Amino acid sequence: MGDPRGFMKHDRQAPEYLPAEQRLLNHEEHIEELSDEQVKIQASRCMDCGVPFCMTGCPLGNIIPEWNDQIFKGRWQEALATLHATNNFPEFTGRVCPAPCENSCVLGINEPPVTIKLHEVSIVDKGFTMGWIKPEPPKFRSGKKVAVIGGGPAGLACAQQLNRAGHLVTVFEKNDRAGGLLMYGIPHYKLRKEKVQRRIDLLAAEGIEFRYNTTVGETIPWEQVKGAYDAVVISTGAELPRDLPVPGRELNGVHYAMEFLPQSNRSNWGDAEIAALHAKKQKIWAKDKKVIVIGGGDTGSDCIGTSLRQGASSVINFELMPCPPDERTAGNPWPQWARIRRISSSVDEMTTTGGDVHYSLATKNFTGKDGKVTGLTTVVLDWSSGKPVEKPGSEKQWDCDLVLLAMGFLGPRKLGLLEQLGCTLDQRGNIQTDANTRMSSIPGVFAAGDARRGQSLIVWAIAEGREVARCVDTFLTKQDSLLPAVRIEAFAY
């Protein structure tokens, strides 16, 4: 390490959010930027710990101590090469990953951990600013053709790795832009879409073909794709949302989160038809509405922040589970992911404007008038036995005009592609693959990302894409792939 006593001399300084009142005025990214010197000081806090548990906490196995040292020594271009060696898209993970690496930092045992996420995004942003990141098309072509179905982070990472191996890659994307949840789920204020498009443009310049507005299994039959490619990778994501089948669910104004969030992103892009992705082309907007978001994860948080920026009159959040502890419990030791209460920027904005998160609440029914939702009924849950038990007499009525369901996802959609493919699914409804080859029950058809492992993090999607690319390359060349294997530890989050 450049300064072996850095962690003793300097306190953690992570970028702070801009004030909530200022954040809510626009959809810009809302975290302050630190100077190169400030980042260098923070990088000096990386210890000579001997066993870098941060690398095992990261699903990508990022070589974190090395690029921390390179930052400290001012070798930014080398740090970028080290970062890109394991992560195709650090500008995404550096913004929206929850940083399980920091949870596993050795310094974090008894001090605030190293600001790894800050260093990651600082390296890649400098790389783009300095013009170091350029298209790198392969020097040879194998003649093999691969179809990647789904242009989210798993599909994009897979496509780039296979393209680097010299194969001809076509990405089939059902929407009018690639990126998946990076483009249509995560709000602009967390990840500006120009940054997503910038990377997609780089991939196209490297020789990857993108076919938009193409849903394999609907607009184009599966058999047509199967017959035209030497291998196929399915990376369609876990798009089947968990529903809330209670009385009144059919009322207008009760929507899935992923019916709502894409419209806001399309509006920020300046698209004329923001409801183009909605099955009924119905516009969903929160302005002047009393909004209730059901679900306390990242998607729920995104619905909260987006509703507030659209001008909702009020926003509150319901969470089925009890409130997590503020600190690790004995059963959740370092270096595991800390299952503690975290306050997102959107929840902070909600509490600033008078809303709150209500824990241990189950929704019993929706009520409405003239076919539109006007309220809902909840009951408090008692979790003391480890199982949810409704508390007698705890029912409560809530007024609302818009309800957003953000309760997670149940795997890939079954109609269309998977129906025509006929591959084996696991017990959770995901595509089942061989543990070593990542191949499905259909020869030459592979799966990666949320479609294979279930709803997860972007960093896991990139890791999945990189690993399946290595497996596909081995399948096509009939020899061990030269693409790097993803280093995944058993306890990684």
Protein backbone atom coordinates (compact mmCIF):
# COMPACT_ATOMS: atom_id res chain seq x y z
CA MET A 1 0.00 0.00 0.00
CA GLY A 2 1.18 3.53 -0.76
CA ASP A 3 0.59 4.71 2.80
CA PRO A 4 0.44 1.82 5.27
CA ARG A 5 -0.70 4.21 8.03
CA GLY A 6 -3.33 5.98 5.94
CA PHE A 7 -6.22 4.32 7.75
CA MET A 8 -4.81 5.65 11.05
CA LYS A 9 -4.39 9.22 9.80
CA HIS A 10 -7.60 9.80 7.86
CA ASP A 11 -11.30 9.40 8.62
CA ARG A 12 -13.76 8.06 6.08
CA GLN A 13 -15.16 10.78 3.82
CA ALA A 14 -17.86 9.52 1.51
CA PRO A 15 -19.70 11.78 -0.96
CA GLU A 16 -22.77 13.33 0.62
CA TYR A 17 -26.19 13.84 -0.89
CA LEU A 18 -27.21 17.33 -1.85
CA PRO A 19 -29.99 18.71 0.42
CA ALA A 20 -33.32 16.96 -0.13
CA GLU A 21 -35.08 20.19 -1.10
CA GLN A 22 -32.48 20.75 -3.82
CA ARG A 23 -32.54 17.15 -5.04
CA LEU A 24 -36.29 17.18 -5.58
CA LEU A 25 -36.11 20.06 -8.05
CA ASN A 26 -34.78 17.89 -10.86
CA HIS A 27 -33.80 14.41 -12.00
CA GLU A 28 -30.04 15.02 -12.00
CA GLU A 29 -27.61 12.79 -10.12
CA HIS A 30 -27.57 14.19 -6.61
CA ILE A 31 -24.30 13.15 -4.96
CA GLU A 32 -21.48 15.65 -4.50
CA GLU A 33 -18.21 15.10 -6.36
CA LEU A 34 -14.93 14.87 -4.48
CA SER A 35 -11.63 16.15 -5.86
CA ASP A 36 -8.84 13.88 -7.03
CA GLU A 37 -6.87 14.77 -3.91
CA GLN A 38 -9.78 13.86 -1.64
CA VAL A 39 -10.18 10.52 -3.44
CA LYS A 40 -6.44 9.91 -3.16
CA ILE A 41 -6.61 10.45 0.60
CA GLN A 42 -9.52 8.04 0.89
CA ALA A 43 -7.64 5.44 -1.18
CA SER A 44 -4.78 5.68 1.31
CA ARG A 45 -7.07 4.21 3.97
CA CYS A 46 -6.90 0.81 2.22
CA MET A 47 -4.91 -1.35 4.64
CA ASP A 48 -2.14 -3.82 3.95
CA CYS A 49 -4.57 -6.37 5.38
CA GLY A 50 -3.00 -9.47 3.84
CA VAL A 51 -6.29 -11.15 2.95
CA PRO A 52 -8.50 -8.69 1.02
CA PHE A 53 -11.98 -9.80 2.03
CA CYS A 54 -13.36 -6.91 -0.04
CA MET A 55 -12.56 -9.00 -3.13
CA THR A 56 -14.54 -11.95 -1.82
CA GLY A 57 -17.46 -9.69 -0.91
CA CYS A 58 -17.58 -8.50 -4.52
CA PRO A 59 -19.39 -10.89 -6.91
CA LEU A 60 -17.01 -9.77 -9.66
CA GLY A 61 -13.87 -10.36 -7.59
CA ASN A 62 -12.69 -6.80 -8.32
CA ILE A 63 -8.99 -6.36 -7.57
CA ILE A 64 -9.72 -3.59 -5.11
CA PRO A 65 -6.43 -3.17 -3.17
CA GLU A 66 -4.50 -2.79 -6.43
CA TRP A 67 -6.58 0.03 -7.84
CA ASN A 68 -6.70 1.74 -4.46
CA ASP A 69 -2.90 1.77 -4.45
CA GLN A 70 -2.78 2.99 -8.05
CA ILE A 71 -5.13 5.88 -7.22
CA PHE A 72 -2.96 6.89 -4.26
CA LYS A 73 0.11 6.95 -6.51
CA GLY A 74 -1.71 8.97 -9.18
CA ARG A 75 -1.60 6.14 -11.72
CA TRP A 76 -5.20 6.60 -12.81
CA GLN A 77 -4.91 5.01 -16.23
CA GLU A 78 -3.41 1.86 -14.70
CA ALA A 79 -6.22 1.86 -12.14
CA LEU A 80 -8.73 1.99 -15.00
CA ALA A 81 -7.13 -1.03 -16.67
CA THR A 82 -7.17 -2.94 -13.38
CA LEU A 83 -10.82 -2.05 -12.82
CA HIS A 84 -11.89 -3.00 -16.34
CA ALA A 85 -10.06 -6.32 -16.03
CA THR A 86 -12.92 -7.62 -13.88
CA ASN A 87 -15.80 -5.18 -14.43
CA ASN A 88 -17.21 -4.27 -17.85
CA PHE A 89 -19.36 -1.40 -16.57
CA PRO A 90 -17.92 0.24 -13.42
CA GLU A 91 -19.76 3.49 -14.16
CA PHE A 92 -22.98 1.59 -13.37
CA THR A 93 -21.87 -0.38 -10.31
CA GLY A 94 -20.01 2.65 -8.97
CA ARG A 95 -23.34 4.47 -8.84
CA VAL A 96 -26.04 1.96 -8.01
CA CYS A 97 -24.36 -1.09 -6.44
CA PRO A 98 -24.98 -1.38 -2.66
CA ALA A 99 -21.25 -2.11 -2.28
CA PRO A 100 -21.09 -5.51 -0.57
CA CYS A 101 -17.31 -5.07 -0.91
CA GLU A 102 -17.42 -2.32 1.73
CA ASN A 103 -19.36 -4.63 4.05
CA SER A 104 -16.45 -7.08 3.77
CA CYS A 105 -13.64 -4.53 4.18
CA VAL A 106 -11.19 -5.60 6.92
CA LEU A 107 -10.98 -2.03 8.21
CA GLY A 108 -14.76 -2.19 8.65
CA ILE A 109 -14.40 -4.64 11.54
CA ASN A 110 -13.83 -1.80 13.98
CA GLU A 111 -13.66 1.39 11.86
CA PRO A 112 -15.71 2.88 9.00
CA PRO A 113 -14.73 0.89 5.88
CA VAL A 114 -12.78 2.14 2.89
CA THR A 115 -14.86 4.14 0.38
CA ILE A 116 -14.46 1.51 -2.35
CA LYS A 117 -17.54 2.56 -4.31
CA LEU A 118 -16.26 6.15 -4.49
CA HIS A 119 -12.92 5.00 -5.89
CA GLU A 120 -14.59 2.79 -8.49
CA VAL A 121 -16.75 5.54 -9.96
CA SER A 122 -13.93 8.10 -9.72
CA ILE A 123 -11.63 5.89 -11.79
CA VAL A 124 -14.10 5.22 -14.59
CA ASP A 125 -15.42 8.80 -14.71
CA LYS A 126 -11.86 10.08 -15.10
CA GLY A 127 -11.34 7.48 -17.80
CA PHE A 128 -14.23 8.89 -19.83
CA THR A 129 -13.22 12.49 -19.13
CA MET A 130 -9.65 11.90 -20.28
CA GLY A 131 -10.71 9.96 -23.36
CA TRP A 132 -9.01 6.76 -22.24
CA ILE A 133 -12.10 4.61 -22.81
CA LYS A 134 -12.43 3.90 -26.52
CA PRO A 135 -13.94 1.14 -28.68
CA GLU A 136 -11.72 -1.94 -28.81
CA PRO A 137 -12.95 -4.17 -31.65
CA PRO A 138 -11.41 -7.64 -31.86
CA LYS A 139 -8.46 -8.18 -34.18
CA PHE A 140 -9.88 -11.43 -35.59
CA ARG A 141 -13.26 -13.11 -36.09
CA SER A 142 -13.99 -16.76 -35.37
CA GLY A 143 -16.91 -16.95 -37.76
CA LYS A 144 -19.16 -18.23 -34.96
CA LYS A 145 -22.44 -16.41 -34.37
CA VAL A 146 -24.05 -15.93 -30.95
CA ALA A 147 -27.48 -14.52 -30.14
CA VAL A 148 -27.93 -12.78 -26.78
CA ILE A 149 -31.62 -12.40 -25.93
CA GLY A 150 -32.01 -9.48 -23.54
CA GLY A 151 -29.92 -6.30 -23.42
CA GLY A 152 -29.69 -5.75 -19.67
CA PRO A 153 -26.38 -5.73 -17.76
CA ALA A 154 -25.98 -9.52 -17.93
CA GLY A 155 -26.61 -9.62 -21.67
CA LEU A 156 -24.38 -6.62 -22.35
CA ALA A 157 -21.48 -8.03 -20.33
CA CYS A 158 -21.86 -11.39 -22.05
CA ALA A 159 -21.99 -9.75 -25.47
CA GLN A 160 -18.84 -7.71 -24.86
CA GLN A 161 -16.86 -10.70 -23.60
CA LEU A 162 -17.90 -12.92 -26.51
CA ASN A 163 -17.16 -10.12 -28.96
CA ARG A 164 -13.69 -9.79 -27.45
CA ALA A 165 -13.22 -13.52 -28.11
CA GLY A 166 -13.87 -12.82 -31.78
CA HIS A 167 -17.39 -14.17 -32.12
CA LEU A 168 -20.14 -12.32 -34.00
CA VAL A 169 -22.71 -11.23 -31.42
CA THR A 170 -26.26 -10.02 -31.96
CA VAL A 171 -28.26 -8.66 -29.02
CA PHE A 172 -32.03 -8.99 -29.34
CA GLU A 173 -33.76 -6.32 -27.24
CA LYS A 174 -37.54 -6.07 -26.89
CA ASN A 175 -37.48 -2.34 -26.07
CA ASP A 176 -36.36 0.58 -28.22
CA ARG A 177 -33.16 0.97 -26.20
CA ALA A 178 -30.79 -1.51 -24.59
CA GLY A 179 -29.84 -1.46 -20.93
CA GLY A 180 -32.76 -3.25 -19.26
CA LEU A 181 -33.32 -1.95 -15.74
CA LEU A 182 -30.29 0.30 -16.15
CA MET A 183 -32.27 2.21 -18.76
CA TYR A 184 -35.92 1.75 -17.82
CA GLY A 185 -35.97 0.85 -14.12
CA ILE A 186 -33.35 2.85 -12.23
CA PRO A 187 -34.33 6.55 -12.18
CA HIS A 188 -32.26 9.26 -13.85
CA TYR A 189 -31.34 10.82 -10.52
CA LYS A 190 -29.43 7.66 -9.56
CA LEU A 191 -27.99 6.88 -13.00
CA ARG A 192 -28.25 9.30 -15.88
CA LYS A 193 -29.27 7.45 -19.02
CA GLU A 194 -26.73 9.29 -21.16
CA LYS A 195 -24.11 7.29 -19.27
CA VAL A 196 -25.89 4.04 -20.14
CA GLN A 197 -26.23 4.98 -23.80
CA ARG A 198 -22.59 6.01 -23.92
CA ARG A 199 -21.51 2.48 -23.01
CA ILE A 200 -23.99 0.87 -25.44
CA ASP A 201 -22.61 3.06 -28.23
CA LEU A 202 -19.13 1.81 -27.36
CA LEU A 203 -20.29 -1.80 -27.62
CA ALA A 204 -21.86 -1.12 -31.00
CA ALA A 205 -18.63 0.52 -32.17
CA GLU A 206 -16.78 -2.65 -31.14
CA GLY A 207 -18.88 -4.67 -33.57
CA ILE A 208 -21.86 -5.88 -31.53
CA GLU A 209 -25.16 -5.78 -33.44
CA PHE A 210 -28.28 -4.57 -31.61
CA ARG A 211 -31.74 -5.46 -32.87
CA TYR A 212 -34.30 -3.34 -31.03
CA ASN A 213 -38.08 -3.70 -30.73
CA THR A 214 -37.57 -7.44 -31.18
CA THR A 215 -39.19 -9.85 -28.73
CA VAL A 216 -37.97 -13.36 -29.42
CA GLY A 217 -40.99 -15.62 -29.07
CA GLU A 218 -43.39 -12.91 -30.24
CA THR A 219 -42.18 -10.57 -32.99
CA ILE A 220 -39.72 -13.23 -34.10
CA PRO A 221 -40.20 -16.98 -33.46
CA TRP A 222 -37.69 -18.89 -31.38
CA GLU A 223 -37.02 -21.42 -34.15
CA GLN A 224 -35.81 -18.64 -36.45
CA VAL A 225 -33.19 -17.55 -33.91
CA LYS A 226 -32.19 -21.09 -33.03
CA GLY A 227 -31.47 -21.96 -36.65
CA ALA A 228 -29.39 -18.88 -37.38
CA TYR A 229 -26.88 -18.96 -34.51
CA ASP A 230 -24.25 -21.34 -33.18
CA ALA A 231 -25.19 -20.56 -29.57
CA VAL A 232 -27.88 -18.59 -27.76
CA VAL A 233 -27.73 -16.86 -24.37
CA ILE A 234 -30.99 -15.99 -22.62
CA SER A 235 -30.62 -12.98 -20.35
CA THR A 236 -34.15 -11.63 -20.29
CA GLY A 237 -34.17 -10.84 -16.58
CA ALA A 238 -36.72 -11.64 -13.89
CA GLU A 239 -39.62 -9.61 -15.23
CA LEU A 240 -42.54 -11.47 -13.64
CA PRO A 241 -43.64 -9.15 -10.81
CA ARG A 242 -45.05 -10.39 -7.51
CA ASP A 243 -48.73 -9.46 -7.42
CA LEU A 244 -50.99 -8.56 -4.50
CA PRO A 245 -54.17 -10.60 -5.09
CA VAL A 246 -56.54 -8.91 -2.64
CA PRO A 247 -60.04 -7.49 -3.19
CA GLY A 248 -59.96 -4.33 -5.29
CA ARG A 249 -56.71 -5.18 -7.07
CA GLU A 250 -58.41 -4.54 -10.43
CA LEU A 251 -59.08 -0.86 -9.64
CA ASN A 252 -57.45 1.74 -11.86
CA GLY A 253 -54.58 3.38 -10.02
CA VAL A 254 -53.03 0.16 -8.68
CA HIS A 255 -49.96 -0.53 -10.78
CA TYR A 256 -46.73 -2.48 -10.78
CA ALA A 257 -43.59 -0.44 -10.18
CA MET A 258 -42.23 -1.44 -13.58
CA GLU A 259 -45.32 -0.02 -15.26
CA PHE A 260 -44.57 3.31 -13.59
CA LEU A 261 -40.79 3.78 -13.57
CA PRO A 262 -40.11 3.35 -17.32
CA GLN A 263 -42.55 6.14 -18.11
CA SER A 264 -40.66 8.61 -15.95
CA ASN A 265 -37.38 7.66 -17.60
CA ARG A 266 -38.88 8.01 -21.06
CA SER A 267 -40.23 11.42 -20.07
CA ASN A 268 -36.77 12.51 -18.94
CA TRP A 269 -35.40 11.32 -22.29
CA GLY A 270 -37.92 13.60 -24.00
CA ASP A 271 -39.87 10.76 -25.62
CA ALA A 272 -43.24 11.77 -27.06
CA GLU A 273 -44.98 8.51 -26.13
CA ILE A 274 -43.90 7.83 -22.56
CA ALA A 275 -46.51 5.07 -22.13
CA ALA A 276 -45.26 3.14 -25.16
CA LEU A 277 -44.09 0.19 -23.03
CA HIS A 278 -47.36 -0.12 -21.08
CA ALA A 279 -49.59 -2.98 -22.24
CA LYS A 280 -52.59 -0.63 -22.50
CA LYS A 281 -50.54 2.50 -23.35
CA GLN A 282 -51.86 4.01 -20.12
CA LYS A 283 -50.00 6.99 -18.71
CA ILE A 284 -49.17 6.66 -15.00
CA TRP A 285 -48.14 9.90 -13.32
CA ALA A 286 -47.99 10.90 -9.65
CA LYS A 287 -48.55 14.65 -9.83
CA ASP A 288 -51.01 15.89 -7.15
CA LYS A 289 -51.78 12.32 -6.06
CA LYS A 290 -51.64 10.64 -2.67
CA VAL A 291 -49.18 7.81 -3.38
CA ILE A 292 -48.64 4.62 -1.41
CA VAL A 293 -45.66 2.47 -2.35
CA ILE A 294 -45.92 -1.15 -1.19
CA GLY A 295 -42.50 -2.75 -0.88
CA GLY A 296 -39.39 -1.50 0.88
CA GLY A 297 -36.54 -2.55 -1.43
CA ASP A 298 -34.61 -0.63 -4.06
CA THR A 299 -37.54 -0.65 -6.48
CA GLY A 300 -39.85 0.76 -3.83
CA SER A 301 -37.30 3.45 -3.04
CA ASP A 302 -37.11 4.35 -6.74
CA CYS A 303 -40.91 4.70 -6.85
CA ILE A 304 -40.78 7.02 -3.84
CA GLY A 305 -38.15 9.35 -5.27
CA THR A 306 -39.78 9.41 -8.69
CA SER A 307 -43.25 10.16 -7.28
CA LEU A 308 -41.89 13.07 -5.26
CA ARG A 309 -40.14 14.53 -8.31
CA GLN A 310 -43.35 14.25 -10.32
CA GLY A 311 -45.12 16.38 -7.72
CA ALA A 312 -47.11 13.87 -5.64
CA SER A 313 -49.13 15.55 -2.89
CA SER A 314 -47.95 12.89 -0.42
CA VAL A 315 -45.94 9.66 -0.45
CA ILE A 316 -45.79 6.88 2.16
CA ASN A 317 -44.22 3.45 2.10
CA PHE A 318 -45.46 0.08 3.43
CA GLU A 319 -43.09 -2.77 4.25
CA LEU A 320 -44.31 -6.27 5.10
CA MET A 321 -41.23 -7.16 7.18
CA PRO A 322 -40.28 -5.67 10.56
CA CYS A 323 -37.80 -2.81 10.77
CA PRO A 324 -34.20 -4.12 10.55
CA PRO A 325 -31.75 -3.38 13.38
CA ASP A 326 -29.41 -0.39 13.20
CA GLU A 327 -26.34 -2.57 13.79
CA ARG A 328 -25.26 -6.11 12.96
CA THR A 329 -26.69 -8.87 15.13
CA ALA A 330 -24.68 -11.78 16.50
CA GLY A 331 -26.05 -13.99 13.75
CA ASN A 332 -24.90 -11.60 11.03
CA PRO A 333 -21.14 -11.15 11.60
CA TRP A 334 -18.51 -9.52 9.39
CA PRO A 335 -17.71 -10.16 6.52
CA GLN A 336 -21.31 -11.03 5.60
CA TRP A 337 -23.60 -8.47 4.05
CA ALA A 338 -24.89 -6.39 6.96
CA ARG A 339 -28.65 -6.86 7.27
CA ILE A 340 -29.27 -3.50 8.89
CA ARG A 341 -31.60 -0.58 8.34
CA ARG A 342 -30.49 1.67 5.51
CA ILE A 343 -31.99 5.04 4.62
CA SER A 344 -31.91 5.63 0.87
CA SER A 345 -31.85 9.12 -0.58
CA SER A 346 -35.47 8.68 -1.67
CA VAL A 347 -36.66 7.60 1.78
CA ASP A 348 -34.79 10.60 3.21
CA GLU A 349 -36.66 12.82 0.76
CA MET A 350 -39.97 11.21 1.74
CA THR A 351 -39.45 11.75 5.47
CA THR A 352 -38.35 15.34 4.77
CA THR A 353 -41.66 15.98 3.01
CA GLY A 354 -43.79 14.39 5.73
CA GLY A 355 -44.00 10.75 4.67
CA ASP A 356 -42.62 7.68 6.42
CA VAL A 357 -41.90 3.97 6.14
CA HIS A 358 -44.49 1.84 7.95
CA TYR A 359 -43.12 -1.59 8.84
CA SER A 360 -44.93 -4.87 9.53
CA LEU A 361 -47.97 -3.91 7.48
CA ALA A 362 -50.03 -6.22 5.27
CA THR A 363 -52.54 -4.84 2.77
CA LYS A 364 -55.95 -6.52 3.06
CA ASN A 365 -57.92 -4.81 0.29
CA PHE A 366 -58.25 -1.81 -1.99
CA THR A 367 -61.33 0.39 -2.07
CA GLY A 368 -62.47 2.68 -4.86
CA LYS A 369 -65.11 4.75 -6.57
CA ASP A 370 -66.12 4.71 -10.23
CA GLY A 371 -63.46 2.09 -10.91
CA LYS A 372 -60.60 4.15 -9.45
CA VAL A 373 -58.70 3.41 -6.25
CA THR A 374 -59.41 5.77 -3.37
CA GLY A 375 -57.98 3.90 -0.41
CA LEU A 376 -56.76 0.66 1.09
CA THR A 377 -56.93 -1.28 4.34
CA THR A 378 -53.92 -2.61 6.26
CA VAL A 379 -53.35 -4.79 9.29
CA VAL A 380 -50.31 -4.85 11.58
CA LEU A 381 -48.25 -8.06 11.64
CA ASP A 382 -46.64 -9.58 14.71
CA TRP A 383 -43.32 -11.26 13.80
CA SER A 384 -42.29 -12.27 17.33
CA SER A 385 -42.82 -15.98 16.57
CA GLY A 386 -40.80 -15.77 13.37
CA LYS A 387 -43.96 -15.95 11.29
CA PRO A 388 -46.39 -13.12 10.47
CA VAL A 389 -49.50 -13.10 12.65
CA GLU A 390 -52.16 -10.43 12.21
CA LYS A 391 -52.78 -8.35 15.33
CA PRO A 392 -56.48 -8.25 16.22
CA GLY A 393 -58.03 -4.81 16.01
CA SER A 394 -55.07 -3.29 14.11
CA GLU A 395 -56.86 -2.64 10.83
CA LYS A 396 -56.46 0.87 9.44
CA GLN A 397 -57.83 2.76 6.45
CA TRP A 398 -55.54 4.85 4.24
CA ASP A 399 -56.52 7.33 1.52
CA CYS A 400 -54.67 7.11 -1.79
CA ASP A 401 -54.99 7.90 -5.50
CA LEU A 402 -52.04 5.84 -6.74
CA VAL A 403 -50.65 2.55 -5.40
CA LEU A 404 -47.34 1.22 -6.69
CA LEU A 405 -46.54 -2.45 -6.12
CA ALA A 406 -42.79 -2.96 -5.63
CA MET A 407 -42.72 -6.35 -3.93
CA GLY A 408 -40.07 -8.07 -5.99
CA PHE A 409 -40.07 -10.45 -8.93
CA LEU A 410 -40.80 -14.14 -9.40
CA GLY A 411 -38.45 -15.01 -12.26
CA PRO A 412 -38.57 -14.70 -16.04
CA ARG A 413 -41.86 -14.43 -17.88
CA LYS A 414 -43.05 -17.88 -18.93
CA LEU A 415 -45.14 -17.05 -22.00
CA GLY A 416 -43.53 -16.52 -25.37
CA LEU A 417 -39.84 -17.42 -25.46
CA LEU A 418 -39.68 -19.92 -22.57
CA GLU A 419 -42.93 -21.51 -23.71
CA GLN A 420 -41.54 -22.08 -27.20
CA LEU A 421 -38.09 -23.07 -25.91
CA GLY A 422 -39.41 -25.72 -23.54
CA CYS A 423 -36.33 -25.72 -21.32
CA THR A 424 -36.28 -27.06 -17.75
CA LEU A 425 -36.99 -24.56 -14.98
CA ASP A 426 -35.83 -24.79 -11.37
CA GLN A 427 -38.12 -24.81 -8.32
CA ARG A 428 -38.27 -21.01 -8.31
CA GLY A 429 -39.25 -20.77 -11.96
CA ASN A 430 -35.84 -19.65 -13.23
CA ILE A 431 -34.01 -21.27 -16.15
CA GLN A 432 -32.13 -24.28 -14.83
CA THR A 433 -28.57 -24.64 -16.08
CA ASP A 434 -25.62 -26.95 -15.55
CA ALA A 435 -23.50 -25.61 -12.71
CA ASN A 436 -20.27 -25.84 -14.72
CA THR A 437 -21.33 -25.06 -18.28
CA ARG A 438 -24.26 -22.68 -17.65
CA MET A 439 -26.08 -24.53 -20.45
CA SER A 440 -29.81 -25.11 -20.15
CA SER A 441 -31.52 -28.42 -20.87
CA ILE A 442 -31.53 -27.38 -24.55
CA PRO A 443 -28.12 -27.99 -26.20
CA GLY A 444 -26.42 -24.76 -27.26
CA VAL A 445 -28.79 -22.59 -25.22
CA PHE A 446 -27.33 -20.87 -22.15
CA ALA A 447 -28.79 -18.59 -19.49
CA ALA A 448 -27.41 -15.77 -17.37
CA GLY A 449 -28.42 -13.02 -14.97
CA ASP A 450 -31.77 -12.76 -13.22
CA ALA A 451 -33.33 -15.21 -15.69
CA ARG A 452 -31.01 -17.88 -14.27
CA ARG A 453 -30.39 -16.91 -10.63
CA GLY A 454 -33.51 -14.85 -9.86
CA GLN A 455 -33.88 -11.22 -8.90
CA SER A 456 -30.51 -9.87 -7.81
CA LEU A 457 -28.00 -7.03 -8.09
CA ILE A 458 -26.48 -5.39 -11.16
CA VAL A 459 -23.04 -6.50 -10.02
CA TRP A 460 -24.27 -10.10 -9.99
CA ALA A 461 -25.75 -9.63 -13.48
CA ILE A 462 -22.37 -8.49 -14.83
CA ALA A 463 -20.65 -11.42 -13.12
CA GLU A 464 -23.22 -13.79 -14.63
CA GLY A 465 -22.71 -12.32 -18.08
CA ARG A 466 -18.93 -12.63 -17.89
CA GLU A 467 -19.06 -16.23 -16.66
CA VAL A 468 -21.60 -17.45 -19.22
CA ALA A 469 -19.52 -15.84 -21.97
CA ARG A 470 -16.55 -17.94 -20.90
CA CYS A 471 -18.72 -21.06 -20.98
CA VAL A 472 -20.13 -20.23 -24.42
CA ASP A 473 -16.63 -19.58 -25.76
CA THR A 474 -15.52 -23.01 -24.52
CA PHE A 475 -18.59 -24.58 -26.16
CA LEU A 476 -17.88 -22.89 -29.50
CA THR A 477 -14.14 -23.47 -29.65
CA LYS A 478 -14.14 -26.94 -28.05
CA GLN A 479 -11.19 -25.90 -25.87
CA ASP A 480 -10.64 -24.02 -22.61
CA SER A 481 -11.60 -20.40 -23.04
CA LEU A 482 -9.04 -17.64 -22.62
CA LEU A 483 -11.74 -15.36 -21.24
CA PRO A 484 -11.22 -14.80 -17.50
CA ALA A 485 -13.27 -16.81 -15.02
CA VAL A 486 -15.28 -14.92 -12.43
CA ARG A 487 -13.90 -15.44 -8.95
CA ILE A 488 -16.92 -16.10 -6.73
CA GLU A 489 -16.68 -17.01 -3.04
CA ALA A 490 -19.32 -19.12 -1.32
CA PHE A 491 -20.41 -16.39 1.10
CA ALA A 492 -20.41 -13.52 -1.39
CA TYR A 493 -23.70 -11.54 -1.29
